[in-house]
Protein backbone atom coordinates (compact mmCIF):
# COMPACT_ATOMS: atom_id res chain seq x y z
CA MET A 1 -0.03 -0.05 -0.06
CA LYS A 2 1.62 3.18 -1.23
CA LEU A 3 0.47 6.13 0.81
CA SER A 4 0.88 9.92 0.36
CA LYS A 5 -0.72 10.82 3.61
CA ILE A 6 -1.92 9.44 6.86
CA PHE A 7 -4.69 11.05 8.90
CA ILE A 8 -5.19 9.93 12.48
CA ASP A 9 -8.59 10.50 14.52
CA THR A 10 -7.86 12.25 17.71
CA THR A 11 -10.10 9.70 19.38
CA VAL A 12 -7.66 6.77 18.47
CA SER A 13 -4.37 8.63 18.34
CA ASP A 14 -3.23 6.98 21.69
CA LEU A 15 -3.89 3.47 20.68
CA PRO A 16 -0.94 1.21 20.45
CA ILE A 17 -2.15 -0.27 17.19
CA VAL A 18 -2.14 3.20 15.70
CA ARG A 19 1.42 3.83 16.76
CA GLU A 20 2.32 0.48 15.23
CA ILE A 21 0.78 1.30 11.85
CA CYS A 22 2.50 4.84 11.72
CA LYS A 23 5.78 3.10 12.49
CA ARG A 24 5.46 1.25 9.13
CA TYR A 25 5.32 4.33 7.31
CA PRO A 26 7.91 6.73 8.74
CA ASN A 27 8.53 8.79 5.57
CA THR A 28 4.80 9.32 5.10
CA PRO A 29 3.21 12.76 6.36
CA GLN A 30 1.02 12.14 9.23
CA HIS A 31 -1.67 14.45 10.71
CA THR A 32 -3.91 14.22 13.62
CA VAL A 33 -7.40 15.66 12.84
CA PRO A 34 -10.65 15.96 14.99
CA ASP A 35 -12.97 14.29 12.53
CA VAL A 36 -13.01 13.30 8.76
CA THR A 37 -13.63 16.61 7.25
CA ALA A 38 -9.99 17.46 6.92
CA VAL A 39 -9.62 14.22 5.19
CA TYR A 40 -12.26 14.84 2.83
CA ASP A 41 -10.92 18.39 1.99
CA ALA A 42 -7.41 17.21 1.29
CA VAL A 43 -8.77 14.55 -1.08
CA ARG A 44 -11.16 16.79 -2.83
CA GLN A 45 -8.41 19.36 -3.49
CA SER A 46 -6.52 16.90 -5.92
CA LYS A 47 -7.13 16.74 -9.49
CA GLU A 48 -7.95 13.19 -9.39
CA PRO A 49 -9.95 12.68 -5.99
CA ILE A 50 -10.47 9.06 -6.42
CA SER A 51 -6.90 8.23 -7.19
CA GLU A 52 -5.76 10.46 -4.12
CA GLY A 53 -8.26 8.64 -1.89
CA LYS A 54 -6.59 5.41 -2.86
CA ARG A 55 -3.24 6.94 -1.37
CA THR A 56 -4.71 8.59 1.68
CA LEU A 57 -5.11 6.48 4.91
CA PHE A 58 -7.54 7.61 7.61
CA LEU A 59 -7.06 5.69 11.09
CA THR A 60 -10.53 6.05 13.00
CA LYS A 61 -13.05 4.52 15.00
CA ASN A 62 -16.02 2.50 13.46
CA ARG A 63 -18.89 4.52 14.90
CA GLY A 64 -21.51 2.24 13.57
CA PRO A 65 -21.88 -1.60 13.71
CA PHE A 66 -19.04 -3.72 12.58
CA LEU A 67 -21.37 -6.53 11.58
CA ARG A 68 -23.95 -5.88 9.04
CA PRO A 69 -26.16 -8.27 7.01
CA CYS A 70 -25.51 -8.42 3.35
CA PRO A 71 -27.30 -5.50 1.45
CA GLY A 72 -29.30 -7.66 -0.71
CA THR A 73 -32.39 -6.75 -2.70
CA ARG A 74 -35.82 -8.39 -2.26
CA SER A 75 -36.06 -9.19 -5.91
CA TYR A 76 -32.99 -11.09 -6.30
CA ILE A 77 -31.90 -14.26 -4.17
CA CYS A 78 -29.20 -13.24 -1.45
CA CYS A 79 -26.70 -15.55 0.05
CA GLY A 80 -27.30 -14.21 3.61
CA TYR A 81 -23.97 -13.59 4.88
CA HIS A 82 -22.70 -10.91 7.32
CA ILE A 83 -20.37 -8.28 6.61
CA LEU A 84 -17.48 -7.52 8.76
CA HIS A 85 -16.78 -3.82 8.31
CA ILE A 86 -13.12 -3.53 8.90
CA GLY A 87 -12.53 -0.58 6.60
CA THR A 88 -13.54 1.05 3.44
CA PHE A 89 -12.08 1.55 -0.19
CA CYS A 90 -9.27 -0.05 -1.83
CA SER A 91 -5.65 0.78 -2.95
CA MET A 92 -6.26 -1.31 -6.21
CA ASP A 93 -8.14 0.49 -9.26
CA CYS A 94 -10.68 -1.64 -10.93
CA ALA A 95 -12.81 0.07 -13.67
CA TYR A 96 -15.93 -1.53 -12.45
CA CYS A 97 -15.70 -0.84 -8.81
CA ILE A 98 -18.75 0.46 -7.08
CA LEU A 99 -17.04 2.05 -4.29
CA GLN A 100 -15.84 4.86 -6.62
CA ALA A 101 -19.58 5.99 -6.49
CA TYR A 102 -20.49 4.64 -3.27
CA PHE A 103 -18.31 6.91 -1.15
CA ASN A 104 -18.06 10.69 -1.62
CA PRO A 105 -15.33 11.28 -1.72
CA PRO A 106 -13.92 7.66 -1.44
CA VAL A 107 -10.95 7.38 0.98
CA LEU A 108 -8.93 4.47 2.56
CA GLN A 109 -10.33 4.18 6.10
CA LEU A 110 -9.10 1.58 8.46
CA PHE A 111 -11.10 0.98 11.81
CA VAL A 112 -8.78 0.50 14.76
CA ASN A 113 -11.25 0.06 17.59
CA HIS A 114 -10.90 -3.72 17.41
CA ASP A 115 -12.03 -4.17 20.96
CA ASP A 116 -15.47 -3.27 19.71
CA MET A 117 -15.22 -5.36 16.82
CA PHE A 118 -14.40 -8.44 18.70
CA CYS A 119 -17.20 -7.66 21.34
CA GLU A 120 -19.67 -7.63 18.32
CA LEU A 121 -18.10 -11.04 16.82
CA ASP A 122 -18.17 -12.62 20.35
CA SER A 123 -21.77 -11.83 20.76
CA LEU A 124 -22.96 -12.78 17.33
CA ILE A 125 -21.10 -16.21 17.54
CA SER A 126 -21.61 -17.21 21.07
CA GLY A 127 -25.23 -15.48 21.35
CA SER A 128 -27.28 -18.15 19.62
CA ASN A 129 -27.11 -21.73 18.09
CA SER A 130 -26.93 -20.20 14.63
CA PHE A 131 -24.47 -20.75 12.18
CA HIS A 132 -22.80 -17.59 10.51
CA ARG A 133 -20.79 -16.88 7.34
CA ILE A 134 -18.70 -13.78 7.65
CA GLY A 135 -16.83 -11.82 5.11
CA THR A 136 -14.83 -8.74 5.07
CA GLY A 137 -14.76 -8.17 1.30
CA GLU A 138 -17.66 -5.99 0.82
CA PHE A 139 -16.33 -2.36 1.24
CA THR A 140 -12.74 -3.25 0.70
CA ASP A 141 -10.47 -6.04 -0.31
CA SER A 142 -9.82 -8.42 2.61
CA LEU A 143 -5.91 -8.40 2.26
CA ILE A 144 -4.80 -4.92 1.06
CA TRP A 145 -4.32 -3.89 4.72
CA GLU A 146 -1.52 -6.50 5.56
CA SER A 147 1.35 -4.11 4.90
CA ALA A 148 -0.04 -1.65 7.39
CA LEU A 149 -1.37 -4.15 9.99
CA PRO A 150 -1.68 -8.06 10.24
CA LEU A 151 -5.39 -7.91 10.31
CA ALA A 152 -5.79 -11.10 8.62
CA GLU A 153 -3.67 -12.97 11.07
CA ILE A 154 -5.56 -11.35 13.94
CA LEU A 155 -8.96 -12.52 12.46
CA ILE A 156 -7.70 -16.07 11.49
CA SER A 157 -6.55 -16.80 14.84
CA ARG A 158 -9.73 -15.58 16.30
CA PHE A 159 -12.06 -17.67 14.33
CA ALA A 160 -9.86 -20.70 14.63
CA SER A 161 -10.96 -21.10 18.36
CA GLN A 162 -14.58 -21.47 17.61
CA ASN A 163 -16.91 -23.82 15.85
CA ARG A 164 -20.08 -21.77 14.93
CA ALA A 165 -18.90 -19.34 12.16
CA VAL A 166 -16.73 -19.35 9.11
CA LEU A 167 -14.51 -16.28 8.02
CA GLU A 168 -14.07 -15.57 4.27
CA LEU A 169 -11.19 -13.27 3.18
CA LYS A 170 -11.84 -12.19 -0.45
CA THR A 171 -8.94 -10.62 -2.38
CA LYS A 172 -7.34 -9.71 -5.83
CA THR A 173 -3.87 -9.75 -4.19
CA VAL A 174 -1.13 -12.37 -3.35
CA ALA A 175 -0.43 -11.00 0.12
CA ILE A 176 -0.45 -14.45 1.81
CA ASP A 177 3.03 -15.07 3.03
CA ASP A 178 2.19 -14.33 6.72
CA LEU A 179 -0.59 -16.72 6.48
CA ALA A 180 1.61 -19.83 6.27
CA PRO A 181 2.39 -20.48 9.83
CA LEU A 182 -1.29 -19.87 11.31
CA SER A 183 -3.15 -22.50 13.12
CA HIS A 184 -6.44 -21.58 11.15
CA ASN A 185 -8.41 -24.82 12.17
CA ARG A 186 -9.87 -24.47 8.59
CA LYS A 187 -12.26 -21.96 9.85
CA THR A 188 -11.02 -19.37 7.34
CA ILE A 189 -11.70 -19.47 3.71
CA LEU A 190 -9.36 -17.84 1.52
CA ALA A 191 -11.21 -16.60 -1.60
CA TRP A 192 -10.18 -14.99 -4.98
CA SER A 193 -11.93 -12.93 -7.43
CA LEU A 194 -11.03 -14.39 -10.85
CA ASN A 195 -11.59 -13.05 -14.34
CA THR A 196 -9.77 -13.41 -17.82
CA PRO A 197 -6.32 -12.01 -18.34
CA ALA A 198 -7.87 -9.47 -20.88
CA VAL A 199 -10.31 -8.10 -18.19
CA ILE A 200 -7.49 -8.08 -15.54
CA LYS A 201 -5.13 -6.15 -17.73
CA LYS A 202 -7.61 -3.42 -19.10
CA GLU A 203 -10.01 -3.19 -16.02
CA GLU A 204 -8.33 -4.24 -12.91
CA ARG A 205 -5.27 -1.98 -12.53
CA ARG A 206 -2.76 -2.75 -9.91
CA THR A 207 -4.17 -6.17 -9.09
CA ALA A 208 -2.27 -9.55 -9.23
CA THR A 209 -2.27 -11.46 -12.52
CA LEU A 210 -4.57 -14.54 -13.03
CA GLU A 211 -1.54 -16.77 -12.67
CA ALA A 212 -0.30 -15.05 -9.52
CA ARG A 213 -3.76 -15.33 -7.97
CA LEU A 214 -3.98 -19.01 -8.73
CA ASN A 215 -0.57 -19.74 -7.64
CA ALA A 216 -1.18 -18.11 -4.27
CA ALA A 217 -4.40 -20.04 -4.06
CA ALA A 218 -2.60 -23.27 -4.59
CA ARG A 219 -0.02 -22.29 -1.82
CA CYS A 220 -2.91 -21.63 0.59
CA GLN A 221 -4.31 -25.04 -0.35
CA LYS A 222 -0.93 -26.67 0.65
CA TRP A 223 -1.38 -24.82 3.92
CA GLY A 224 -4.71 -26.45 4.68
CA TYR A 225 -6.93 -23.54 3.93
CA PRO A 226 -10.19 -24.34 2.31
CA LEU A 227 -10.84 -22.00 -0.79
CA ALA A 228 -13.64 -20.28 -2.65
CA PHE A 229 -13.56 -18.47 -6.03
CA HIS A 230 -15.71 -15.69 -7.43
CA PHE A 231 -16.45 -15.03 -11.12
CA ASP A 232 -17.83 -11.56 -10.55
CA PRO A 233 -18.02 -9.40 -12.58
CA LEU A 234 -18.44 -11.77 -15.71
CA VAL A 235 -17.73 -9.32 -18.75
CA ILE A 236 -19.24 -9.98 -22.19
CA TYR A 237 -16.69 -9.06 -24.93
CA ASP A 238 -15.43 -10.34 -28.15
CA GLY A 239 -13.64 -13.62 -27.35
CA TRP A 240 -15.06 -14.20 -23.87
CA GLU A 241 -16.03 -17.83 -24.38
CA GLU A 242 -12.62 -19.01 -25.23
CA ASP A 243 -10.99 -16.72 -22.54
CA TYR A 244 -13.35 -17.73 -19.67
CA GLN A 245 -13.15 -21.42 -20.73
CA LYS A 246 -9.39 -21.16 -20.42
CA VAL A 247 -9.50 -19.46 -16.94
CA ILE A 248 -11.77 -22.45 -15.67
CA ALA A 249 -9.14 -25.10 -17.21
CA ARG A 250 -6.41 -23.26 -15.36
CA LEU A 251 -8.18 -22.97 -12.10
CA PHE A 252 -8.91 -26.82 -12.00
CA GLU A 253 -5.33 -27.51 -13.09
CA SER A 254 -4.05 -25.51 -10.06
CA ILE A 255 -6.78 -26.47 -7.46
CA ASP A 256 -8.32 -29.69 -6.23
CA PRO A 257 -11.94 -29.42 -6.55
CA GLN A 258 -12.64 -31.03 -3.32
CA ASN A 259 -11.05 -28.09 -1.42
CA ILE A 260 -13.52 -25.58 -2.98
CA VAL A 261 -16.15 -24.39 -0.59
CA TRP A 262 -18.29 -22.61 -3.30
CA ILE A 263 -17.79 -20.64 -6.44
CA SER A 264 -20.00 -17.67 -7.23
CA LEU A 265 -21.02 -16.21 -10.60
CA GLY A 266 -22.22 -12.51 -11.34
CA THR A 267 -22.32 -10.62 -14.24
CA PHE A 268 -21.19 -7.10 -14.40
CA ARG A 269 -23.67 -4.48 -12.96
CA PHE A 270 -23.55 -1.06 -12.02
CA MET A 271 -25.13 1.98 -10.55
CA PRO A 272 -26.04 4.72 -13.23
CA SER A 273 -23.95 7.21 -11.40
CA LEU A 274 -20.86 5.01 -11.87
CA LYS A 275 -20.90 5.30 -15.76
CA PRO A 276 -19.45 8.91 -15.98
CA ILE A 277 -16.89 8.00 -13.46
CA ILE A 278 -15.70 4.97 -15.64
CA LYS A 279 -15.86 7.21 -18.67
CA LYS A 280 -13.53 9.75 -17.08
CA ARG A 281 -11.14 7.52 -15.23
CA PHE A 282 -10.93 4.62 -17.75
CA PRO A 283 -11.49 6.28 -21.26
CA ASP A 284 -10.36 3.16 -23.00
CA SER A 285 -12.78 0.83 -21.21
CA LYS A 286 -15.59 -0.64 -23.21
CA ILE A 287 -17.55 -2.35 -20.34
CA ILE A 288 -20.24 0.12 -19.99
CA TYR A 289 -21.28 -0.01 -23.67
CA GLY A 290 -22.86 -3.57 -23.69
CA GLU A 291 -26.74 -4.40 -23.91
CA PHE A 292 -27.82 -3.29 -20.58
CA ILE A 293 -31.22 -2.75 -19.08
CA GLN A 294 -32.30 -1.48 -15.58
CA GLY A 295 -32.75 -4.06 -13.18
CA LEU A 296 -35.34 -4.35 -10.17
CA ASP A 297 -32.49 -2.98 -7.91
CA LYS A 298 -32.03 0.13 -10.23
CA LYS A 299 -28.62 -1.31 -11.37
CA MET A 300 -27.79 -1.47 -14.95
CA ARG A 301 -27.46 -5.18 -15.97
CA TYR A 302 -26.84 -7.15 -19.14
CA PHE A 303 -30.07 -8.17 -20.85
CA LYS A 304 -31.28 -11.32 -19.13
CA PRO A 305 -30.92 -13.67 -22.10
CA LEU A 306 -27.12 -12.60 -22.44
CA ARG A 307 -26.84 -13.29 -18.63
CA ILE A 308 -28.31 -16.58 -19.13
CA GLU A 309 -26.12 -17.46 -22.03
CA ILE A 310 -22.90 -16.78 -19.96
CA TYR A 311 -24.08 -18.54 -16.85
CA ARG A 312 -24.96 -21.70 -18.85
CA LYS A 313 -21.70 -21.93 -20.34
CA MET A 314 -19.73 -20.96 -17.28
CA ALA A 315 -21.77 -23.60 -15.24
CA GLU A 316 -21.39 -26.14 -17.92
CA TRP A 317 -17.43 -25.71 -17.78
CA ILE A 318 -17.24 -25.77 -14.12
CA LYS A 319 -19.59 -28.84 -13.43
CA GLN A 320 -17.57 -30.63 -16.14
CA ARG A 321 -14.33 -30.60 -13.79
CA ALA A 322 -16.19 -30.12 -10.32
CA PRO A 323 -19.67 -31.72 -10.49
CA GLU A 324 -20.09 -31.70 -6.90
CA VAL A 325 -18.99 -28.08 -6.19
CA CYS A 326 -21.33 -25.51 -4.52
CA LEU A 327 -22.04 -23.28 -7.39
CA TYR A 328 -24.47 -20.19 -6.94
CA PHE A 329 -25.48 -16.91 -8.44
CA CYS A 330 -24.80 -13.53 -6.84
CA MET A 331 -28.06 -11.51 -6.91
CA GLU A 332 -29.95 -13.22 -9.58
CA ASP A 333 -33.62 -14.05 -9.79
CA GLU A 334 -35.53 -17.39 -9.78
CA GLU A 335 -35.76 -17.46 -13.60
CA VAL A 336 -31.96 -17.23 -13.95
CA TRP A 337 -31.58 -20.20 -11.45
CA GLN A 338 -34.20 -22.32 -12.91
CA LYS A 339 -32.83 -21.95 -16.52
CA VAL A 340 -29.21 -22.35 -15.70
CA LEU A 341 -29.05 -24.79 -12.78
CA GLY A 342 -32.41 -26.51 -13.13
CA PHE A 343 -33.58 -25.79 -9.54
CA LEU A 344 -34.46 -23.03 -6.96
CA PRO A 345 -32.48 -22.49 -3.91
CA GLU A 346 -35.84 -22.93 -1.94
CA GLU A 347 -36.23 -26.35 -3.14
CA ARG A 348 -32.90 -27.27 -1.23
CA GLY A 349 -33.87 -25.10 1.81
CA GLY A 350 -32.59 -21.78 0.47
CA LEU A 351 -29.27 -20.44 -0.62
CA SER A 352 -28.07 -19.69 2.85
CA LYS A 353 -28.60 -23.48 3.91
CA MET A 354 -26.72 -24.55 0.65
CA LEU A 355 -23.77 -22.40 1.41
CA ASP A 356 -23.92 -23.23 5.27
CA GLU A 357 -23.97 -26.98 4.32
CA SER A 358 -21.04 -26.59 2.21
CA ALA A 359 -19.10 -24.58 4.65
CA ALA A 360 -19.80 -27.12 7.28
CA LYS A 361 -18.70 -30.00 4.96
CA HIS A 362 -15.31 -28.45 3.99
CA CYS A 363 -14.60 -26.32 7.33
CA GLY A 364 -15.76 -28.84 10.05
CA LEU A 365 -18.20 -26.60 11.54
CA ASP A 366 -21.41 -27.45 13.55
CA ILE A 367 -24.85 -26.59 12.07
CA ILE A 368 -27.87 -26.97 14.09
């Protein structure tokens, strides 16, 4: 993580964890501020606020809940996991990233009131007999923070000591070296977003290559971690069929299907407010010029027959190599499920139950 400035909330400036982070960036200007206003002002003054936000770190408190339900939409089938809100934004730069429009202005925020975070986690995990899937990759990448703080190590160790929840760390990085010696007890799933080399090169700036991601996943498999993969967003372009088929072939050359907890599929979708941002920041990108319609969640989505076509082929290629793998769609409706996979999640107890059972099978968890 290359930083131009570090801002420190006065309410956390005396915390040991803040001093530890700041020591890792001795040559980066550091400023203590009473609130986020000064941070936003500094970012807005830049000619490219979004790019500047990716180099500006704000160490602060999470003043809201750390644990939040997945923000699903009633009209689409949701996976029902919990978001662990560790921070916001990302130092990588993907053209399609919704965070460019979601935060105004976007800035790297790392929440350091970990005592509050662990109190919430303990309350959720021990407070009922329910099983929980928890992920940190909704508002940020799960592993970009490792150069500033070994947050993944802290979380993995915490989850290893219980048997009622699983943690998913989703990334486009290869920041895994410090995870090798950890006693994870298979309670953490390491997950990678995958795409074709063409999409990665053109639309995913400063991310690891496909080969690097798969090599990292293979190393984690050797260390005993269960794995997951997310093909989201799938992008339709000339040559997509051959390219995605090759990606799936490489995936199963690198990874044992028996060690994959789940694979998700989701096509490119975006809020209308994201389109002008992509046009300005990624003028060579063509991803916003496909056949889109506005979905029930007000996001622009590929015309449904196009979504069904790419899903059918992806599902066929995956099932040929991993017929038992848990395959699901991210935010799709019943028609897509039925036409592509031939069933509805509710016929199997719901999508949440499907994923819970797969996690229990691969991670040794108790489900009541």
